[in-house]
């Protein structure tokens, strides 16, 4: 049984070494490129949130006017 645990530990160590070796090969974006991507993502999230909020608010008001709301 102990041999099984040791061989699994060896496989785990090999996987970790492969992970870090592959990590060194990755072409990371420059700081400027990363900042641009972050800004685009942030703008998209804000716009999408506002659209979804407006949709939910509009449907809520409409349903309450029709008497479908939970308040009766």
PDB file of N, CA and C in Angstrom:
ATOM      1  N   UNK A   1       0.816  -1.206   0.000  1.00  0.00           N
ATOM      2  CA  UNK A   1       0.000   0.000   0.000  1.00  0.00           C
ATOM      3  C   UNK A   1       0.853   1.261   0.000  1.00  0.00           C
ATOM      4  N   UNK A   2       1.912   1.261   0.751  1.00  0.00           N
ATOM      5  CA  UNK A   2       2.736   2.462   0.826  1.00  0.00           C
ATOM      6  C   UNK A   2       3.362   2.782  -0.529  1.00  0.00           C
ATOM      7  N   UNK A   3       3.663   1.739  -1.298  1.00  0.00           N
ATOM      8  CA  UNK A   3       4.249   1.967  -2.607  1.00  0.00           C
ATOM      9  C   UNK A   3       3.281   2.747  -3.509  1.00  0.00           C
ATOM     10  N   UNK A   4       2.003   2.471  -3.385  1.00  0.00           N
ATOM     11  CA  UNK A   4       0.989   3.178  -4.163  1.00  0.00           C
ATOM     12  C   UNK A   4       1.012   4.663  -3.835  1.00  0.00           C
ATOM     13  N   UNK A   5       1.068   4.985  -2.551  1.00  0.00           N
ATOM     14  CA  UNK A   5       1.096   6.397  -2.161  1.00  0.00           C
ATOM     15  C   UNK A   5       2.348   7.081  -2.666  1.00  0.00           C
ATOM     16  N   UNK A   6       3.482   6.396  -2.638  1.00  0.00           N
ATOM     17  CA  UNK A   6       4.734   6.995  -3.095  1.00  0.00           C
ATOM     18  C   UNK A   6       4.674   7.234  -4.602  1.00  0.00           C
ATOM     19  N   UNK A   7       4.171   6.251  -5.351  1.00  0.00           N
ATOM     20  CA  UNK A   7       4.108   6.427  -6.801  1.00  0.00           C
ATOM     21  C   UNK A   7       3.135   7.541  -7.172  1.00  0.00           C
ATOM     22  N   UNK A   8       2.039   7.671  -6.431  1.00  0.00           N
ATOM     23  CA  UNK A   8       1.111   8.770  -6.691  1.00  0.00           C
ATOM     24  C   UNK A   8       1.766  10.102  -6.362  1.00  0.00           C
ATOM     25  N   UNK A   9       2.534  10.140  -5.291  1.00  0.00           N
ATOM     26  CA  UNK A   9       3.253  11.371  -4.943  1.00  0.00           C
ATOM     27  C   UNK A   9       4.235  11.759  -6.029  1.00  0.00           C
ATOM     28  N   UNK A  10       4.902  10.755  -6.633  1.00  0.00           N
ATOM     29  CA  UNK A  10       5.826  11.025  -7.732  1.00  0.00           C
ATOM     30  C   UNK A  10       5.106  11.588  -8.941  1.00  0.00           C
ATOM     31  N   UNK A  11       3.929  11.053  -9.236  1.00  0.00           N
ATOM     32  CA  UNK A  11       3.137  11.555 -10.357  1.00  0.00           C
ATOM     33  C   UNK A  11       2.692  12.988 -10.107  1.00  0.00           C
ATOM     34  N   UNK A  12       2.331  13.274  -8.869  1.00  0.00           N
ATOM     35  CA  UNK A  12       1.906  14.630  -8.523  1.00  0.00           C
ATOM     36  C   UNK A  12       3.070  15.600  -8.691  1.00  0.00           C
ATOM     37  N   UNK A  13       4.249  15.202  -8.239  1.00  0.00           N
ATOM     38  CA  UNK A  13       5.424  16.076  -8.368  1.00  0.00           C
ATOM     39  C   UNK A  13       5.764  16.319  -9.839  1.00  0.00           C
ATOM     40  N   UNK A  14       5.662  15.271 -10.674  1.00  0.00           N
ATOM     41  CA  UNK A  14       5.921  15.447 -12.102  1.00  0.00           C
ATOM     42  C   UNK A  14       4.926  16.426 -12.712  1.00  0.00           C
ATOM     43  N   UNK A  15       3.685  16.295 -12.311  1.00  0.00           N
ATOM     44  CA  UNK A  15       2.649  17.201 -12.834  1.00  0.00           C
ATOM     45  C   UNK A  15       2.922  18.638 -12.422  1.00  0.00           C
ATOM     46  N   UNK A  16       3.349  18.834 -11.178  1.00  0.00           N
ATOM     47  CA  UNK A  16       3.659  20.182 -10.697  1.00  0.00           C
ATOM     48  C   UNK A  16       4.844  20.759 -11.468  1.00  0.00           C
ATOM     49  N   UNK A  17       5.880  19.935 -11.699  1.00  0.00           N
ATOM     50  CA  UNK A  17       7.039  20.407 -12.459  1.00  0.00           C
ATOM     51  C   UNK A  17       6.647  20.773 -13.889  1.00  0.00           C
ATOM     52  N   UNK A  18       5.795  19.951 -14.525  1.00  0.00           N
ATOM     53  CA  UNK A  18       5.326  20.253 -15.874  1.00  0.00           C
ATOM     54  C   UNK A  18       4.529  21.553 -15.891  1.00  0.00           C
ATOM     55  N   UNK A  19       3.725  21.754 -14.855  1.00  0.00           N
ATOM     56  CA  UNK A  19       2.920  22.971 -14.760  1.00  0.00           C
ATOM     57  C   UNK A  19       3.821  24.202 -14.750  1.00  0.00           C
ATOM     58  N   UNK A  20       4.844  24.211 -13.910  1.00  0.00           N
ATOM     59  CA  UNK A  20       5.712  25.388 -13.821  1.00  0.00           C
ATOM     60  C   UNK A  20       6.557  25.553 -15.078  1.00  0.00           C
ATOM     61  N   UNK A  21       6.933  24.440 -15.716  1.00  0.00           N
ATOM     62  CA  UNK A  21       7.679  24.536 -16.969  1.00  0.00           C
ATOM     63  C   UNK A  21       6.813  25.188 -18.044  1.00  0.00           C
ATOM     64  N   UNK A  22       5.564  24.767 -18.122  1.00  0.00           N
ATOM     65  CA  UNK A  22       4.636  25.345 -19.102  1.00  0.00           C
ATOM     66  C   UNK A  22       4.340  26.808 -18.778  1.00  0.00           C
ATOM     67  N   UNK A  23       4.279  27.133 -17.493  1.00  0.00           N
ATOM     68  CA  UNK A  23       4.006  28.503 -17.061  1.00  0.00           C
ATOM     69  C   UNK A  23       5.091  29.462 -17.544  1.00  0.00           C
ATOM     70  N   UNK A  24       6.332  28.973 -17.616  1.00  0.00           N
ATOM     71  CA  UNK A  24       7.439  29.811 -18.088  1.00  0.00           C
ATOM     72  C   UNK A  24       7.345  30.082 -19.587  1.00  0.00           C
ATOM     73  N   UNK A  25       6.672  29.198 -20.334  1.00  0.00           N
ATOM     74  CA  UNK A  25       6.547  29.356 -21.778  1.00  0.00           C
ATOM     75  C   UNK A  25       5.468  30.357 -22.177  1.00  0.00           C
ATOM     76  N   UNK A  26       4.578  30.667 -21.273  1.00  0.00           N
ATOM     77  CA  UNK A  26       3.445  31.533 -21.592  1.00  0.00           C
ATOM     78  C   UNK A  26       3.929  32.938 -21.921  1.00  0.00           C
ATOM     79  N   UNK A  27       3.346  33.531 -22.989  1.00  0.00           N
ATOM     80  CA  UNK A  27       3.662  34.918 -23.331  1.00  0.00           C
ATOM     81  C   UNK A  27       2.660  35.798 -22.608  1.00  0.00           C
ATOM     82  N   UNK A  28       3.108  36.426 -21.549  1.00  0.00           N
ATOM     83  CA  UNK A  28       2.235  37.262 -20.737  1.00  0.00           C
ATOM     84  C   UNK A  28       2.073  38.625 -21.395  1.00  0.00           C
ATOM     85  N   UNK A  29       0.898  39.216 -21.315  1.00  0.00           N
ATOM     86  CA  UNK A  29       0.691  40.542 -21.921  1.00  0.00           C
ATOM     87  C   UNK A  29       1.470  41.618 -21.151  1.00  0.00           C
ATOM     88  N   UNK A  30       1.758  42.696 -21.863  1.00  0.00           N
ATOM     89  CA  UNK A  30       2.441  43.814 -21.209  1.00  0.00           C
ATOM     90  C   UNK A  30       1.476  44.486 -20.233  1.00  0.00           C
ATOM     91  N   UNK A  31       2.020  45.342 -19.381  1.00  0.00           N
ATOM     92  CA  UNK A  31       1.185  46.043 -18.403  1.00  0.00           C
ATOM     93  C   UNK A  31       0.152  46.921 -19.113  1.00  0.00           C
ATOM     94  N   UNK A  32       0.566  47.576 -20.184  1.00  0.00           N
ATOM     95  CA  UNK A  32      -0.342  48.447 -20.937  1.00  0.00           C
ATOM     96  C   UNK A  32      -1.479  47.629 -21.553  1.00  0.00           C
ATOM     97  N   UNK A  33      -1.134  46.500 -22.138  1.00  0.00           N
ATOM     98  CA  UNK A  33      -2.136  45.624 -22.748  1.00  0.00           C
ATOM     99  C   UNK A  33      -3.089  45.068 -21.687  1.00  0.00           C
ATOM    100  N   UNK A  34      -2.565  44.714 -20.538  1.00  0.00           N
ATOM    101  CA  UNK A  34      -3.395  44.223 -19.443  1.00  0.00           C
ATOM    102  C   UNK A  34      -4.351  45.286 -18.924  1.00  0.00           C
ATOM    103  N   UNK A  35      -3.865  46.514 -18.818  1.00  0.00           N
ATOM    104  CA  UNK A  35      -4.716  47.613 -18.361  1.00  0.00           C
ATOM    105  C   UNK A  35      -5.846  47.898 -19.344  1.00  0.00           C
ATOM    106  N   UNK A  36      -5.548  47.833 -20.641  1.00  0.00           N
ATOM    107  CA  UNK A  36      -6.583  48.064 -21.657  1.00  0.00           C
ATOM    108  C   UNK A  36      -7.654  46.978 -21.580  1.00  0.00           C
ATOM    109  N   UNK A  37      -7.217  45.740 -21.438  1.00  0.00           N
ATOM    110  CA  UNK A  37      -8.164  44.631 -21.352  1.00  0.00           C
ATOM    111  C   UNK A  37      -9.023  44.750 -20.098  1.00  0.00           C
ATOM    112  N   UNK A  38      -8.407  45.138 -18.991  1.00  0.00           N
ATOM    113  CA  UNK A  38      -9.146  45.324 -17.739  1.00  0.00           C
ATOM    114  C   UNK A  38     -10.190  46.425 -17.890  1.00  0.00           C
ATOM    115  N   UNK A  39      -9.810  47.533 -18.510  1.00  0.00           N
ATOM    116  CA  UNK A  39     -10.738  48.661 -18.691  1.00  0.00           C
ATOM    117  C   UNK A  39     -11.911  48.254 -19.585  1.00  0.00           C
ATOM    118  N   UNK A  40     -11.630  47.524 -20.666  1.00  0.00           N
ATOM    119  CA  UNK A  40     -12.711  47.065 -21.554  1.00  0.00           C
ATOM    120  C   UNK A  40     -13.668  46.142 -20.807  1.00  0.00           C
ATOM    121  N   UNK A  41     -13.111  45.247 -20.032  1.00  0.00           N
ATOM    122  CA  UNK A  41     -13.935  44.301 -19.276  1.00  0.00           C
ATOM    123  C   UNK A  41     -14.802  45.043 -18.272  1.00  0.00           C
ATOM    124  N   UNK A  42     -14.218  46.005 -17.578  1.00  0.00           N
ATOM    125  CA  UNK A  42     -14.952  46.783 -16.581  1.00  0.00           C
ATOM    126  C   UNK A  42     -16.098  47.567 -17.223  1.00  0.00           C
ATOM    127  N   UNK A  43     -15.838  48.196 -18.358  1.00  0.00           N
ATOM    128  CA  UNK A  43     -16.875  48.952 -19.066  1.00  0.00           C
ATOM    129  C   UNK A  43     -17.992  48.009 -19.505  1.00  0.00           C
ATOM    130  N   UNK A  44     -17.640  46.852 -20.042  1.00  0.00           N
ATOM    131  CA  UNK A  44     -18.649  45.879 -20.468  1.00  0.00           C
ATOM    132  C   UNK A  44     -19.518  45.430 -19.299  1.00  0.00           C
ATOM    133  N   UNK A  45     -18.894  45.145 -18.161  1.00  0.00           N
ATOM    134  CA  UNK A  45     -19.640  44.684 -16.986  1.00  0.00           C
ATOM    135  C   UNK A  45     -20.597  45.776 -16.496  1.00  0.00           C
ATOM    136  N   UNK A  46     -20.141  47.011 -16.473  1.00  0.00           N
ATOM    137  CA  UNK A  46     -20.988  48.118 -16.015  1.00  0.00           C
ATOM    138  C   UNK A  46     -22.185  48.295 -16.958  1.00  0.00           C
ATOM    139  N   UNK A  47     -21.933  48.275 -18.268  1.00  0.00           N
ATOM    140  CA  UNK A  47     -23.023  48.447 -19.234  1.00  0.00           C
ATOM    141  C   UNK A  47     -24.018  47.292 -19.135  1.00  0.00           C
ATOM    142  N   UNK A  48     -23.516  46.058 -19.065  1.00  0.00           N
ATOM    143  CA  UNK A  48     -24.394  44.892 -18.965  1.00  0.00           C
ATOM    144  C   UNK A  48     -25.211  44.943 -17.673  1.00  0.00           C
ATOM    145  N   UNK A  49     -24.591  45.372 -16.580  1.00  0.00           N
ATOM    146  CA  UNK A  49     -25.307  45.477 -15.302  1.00  0.00           C
ATOM    147  C   UNK A  49     -26.425  46.510 -15.379  1.00  0.00           C
ATOM    148  N   UNK A  50     -26.139  47.651 -15.998  1.00  0.00           N
ATOM    149  CA  UNK A  50     -27.162  48.688 -16.137  1.00  0.00           C
ATOM    150  C   UNK A  50     -28.328  48.219 -17.009  1.00  0.00           C
ATOM    151  N   UNK A  51     -28.023  47.507 -18.076  1.00  0.00           N
ATOM    152  CA  UNK A  51     -29.084  46.988 -18.946  1.00  0.00           C
ATOM    153  C   UNK A  51     -29.953  45.990 -18.192  1.00  0.00           C
ATOM    154  N   UNK A  52     -29.319  45.057 -17.487  1.00  0.00           N
ATOM    155  CA  UNK A  52     -30.081  44.060 -16.736  1.00  0.00           C
ATOM    156  C   UNK A  52     -30.876  44.691 -15.594  1.00  0.00           C
ATOM    157  N   UNK A  53     -30.295  45.677 -14.930  1.00  0.00           N
ATOM    158  CA  UNK A  53     -31.006  46.379 -13.864  1.00  0.00           C
ATOM    159  C   UNK A  53     -32.232  47.096 -14.428  1.00  0.00           C
ATOM    160  N   UNK A  54     -32.046  47.786 -15.560  1.00  0.00           N
ATOM    161  CA  UNK A  54     -33.166  48.490 -16.186  1.00  0.00           C
ATOM    162  C   UNK A  54     -34.259  47.530 -16.623  1.00  0.00           C
ATOM    163  N   UNK A  55     -33.872  46.393 -17.165  1.00  0.00           N
ATOM    164  CA  UNK A  55     -34.848  45.390 -17.578  1.00  0.00           C
ATOM    165  C   UNK A  55     -35.631  44.856 -16.377  1.00  0.00           C
ATOM    166  N   UNK A  56     -34.929  44.523 -15.310  1.00  0.00           N
ATOM    167  CA  UNK A  56     -35.589  44.011 -14.108  1.00  0.00           C
ATOM    168  C   UNK A  56     -36.507  45.074 -13.492  1.00  0.00           C
ATOM    169  N   UNK A  57     -36.036  46.301 -13.432  1.00  0.00           N
ATOM    170  CA  UNK A  57     -36.839  47.386 -12.872  1.00  0.00           C
ATOM    171  C   UNK A  57     -38.083  47.636 -13.723  1.00  0.00           C
ATOM    172  N   UNK A  58     -37.898  47.661 -15.027  1.00  0.00           N
ATOM    173  CA  UNK A  58     -39.024  47.879 -15.922  1.00  0.00           C
ATOM    174  C   UNK A  58     -40.074  46.782 -15.808  1.00  0.00           C
ATOM    175  N   UNK A  59     -39.648  45.540 -15.779  1.00  0.00           N
ATOM    176  CA  UNK A  59     -40.593  44.426 -15.637  1.00  0.00           C
ATOM    177  C   UNK A  59     -41.291  44.462 -14.281  1.00  0.00           C
ATOM    178  N   UNK A  60     -40.550  44.823 -13.246  1.00  0.00           N
ATOM    179  CA  UNK A  60     -41.127  44.909 -11.909  1.00  0.00           C
ATOM    180  C   UNK A  60     -42.218  45.975 -11.851  1.00  0.00           C
ATOM    181  N   UNK A  61     -41.931  47.139 -12.405  1.00  0.00           N
ATOM    182  CA  UNK A  61     -42.923  48.227 -12.427  1.00  0.00           C
ATOM    183  C   UNK A  61     -44.138  47.817 -13.254  1.00  0.00           C
ATOM    184  N   UNK A  62     -43.879  47.201 -14.407  1.00  0.00           N
ATOM    185  CA  UNK A  62     -44.971  46.782 -15.277  1.00  0.00           C
ATOM    186  C   UNK A  62     -45.854  45.734 -14.582  1.00  0.00           C
ATOM    187  N   UNK A  63     -45.254  44.763 -13.945  1.00  0.00           N
ATOM    188  CA  UNK A  63     -46.030  43.722 -13.268  1.00  0.00           C
ATOM    189  C   UNK A  63     -46.802  44.282 -12.082  1.00  0.00           C
ATOM    190  N   UNK A  64     -46.200  45.211 -11.362  1.00  0.00           N
ATOM    191  CA  UNK A  64     -46.921  45.826 -10.243  1.00  0.00           C
ATOM    192  C   UNK A  64     -48.116  46.644 -10.734  1.00  0.00           C
ATOM    193  N   UNK A  65     -47.968  47.314 -11.882  1.00  0.00           N
ATOM    194  CA  UNK A  65     -49.091  48.079 -12.444  1.00  0.00           C
ATOM    195  C   UNK A  65     -50.217  47.166 -12.911  1.00  0.00           C
ATOM    196  N   UNK A  66     -49.873  45.974 -13.331  1.00  0.00           N
ATOM    197  CA  UNK A  66     -50.877  45.008 -13.789  1.00  0.00           C
ATOM    198  C   UNK A  66     -51.466  44.220 -12.616  1.00  0.00           C
ATOM    199  N   UNK A  67     -50.952  44.426 -11.410  1.00  0.00           N
ATOM    200  CA  UNK A  67     -51.455  43.711 -10.235  1.00  0.00           C
ATOM    201  C   UNK A  67     -50.921  42.302 -10.122  1.00  0.00           C
ATOM    202  N   UNK A  68     -49.812  42.019 -10.759  1.00  0.00           N
ATOM    203  CA  UNK A  68     -49.221  40.686 -10.703  1.00  0.00           C
ATOM    204  C   UNK A  68     -48.217  40.578  -9.551  1.00  0.00           C
ATOM    205  N   UNK A  69     -47.801  41.690  -8.993  1.00  0.00           N
ATOM    206  CA  UNK A  69     -46.772  41.704  -7.953  1.00  0.00           C
ATOM    207  C   UNK A  69     -47.178  40.951  -6.706  1.00  0.00           C
ATOM    208  N   UNK A  70     -46.230  40.713  -5.833  1.00  0.00           N
ATOM    209  CA  UNK A  70     -46.466  39.995  -4.597  1.00  0.00           C
ATOM    210  C   UNK A  70     -47.253  40.819  -3.578  1.00  0.00           C
ATOM    211  N   UNK A  71     -47.250  42.130  -3.747  1.00  0.00           N
ATOM    212  CA  UNK A  71     -47.941  42.993  -2.784  1.00  0.00           C
ATOM    213  C   UNK A  71     -49.460  42.981  -2.981  1.00  0.00           C
ATOM    214  N   UNK A  72     -49.937  42.331  -3.998  1.00  0.00           N
ATOM    215  CA  UNK A  72     -51.366  42.148  -4.212  1.00  0.00           C
ATOM    216  C   UNK A  72     -51.963  43.311  -4.875  1.00  0.00           C
TER     217      UNK A  72
END
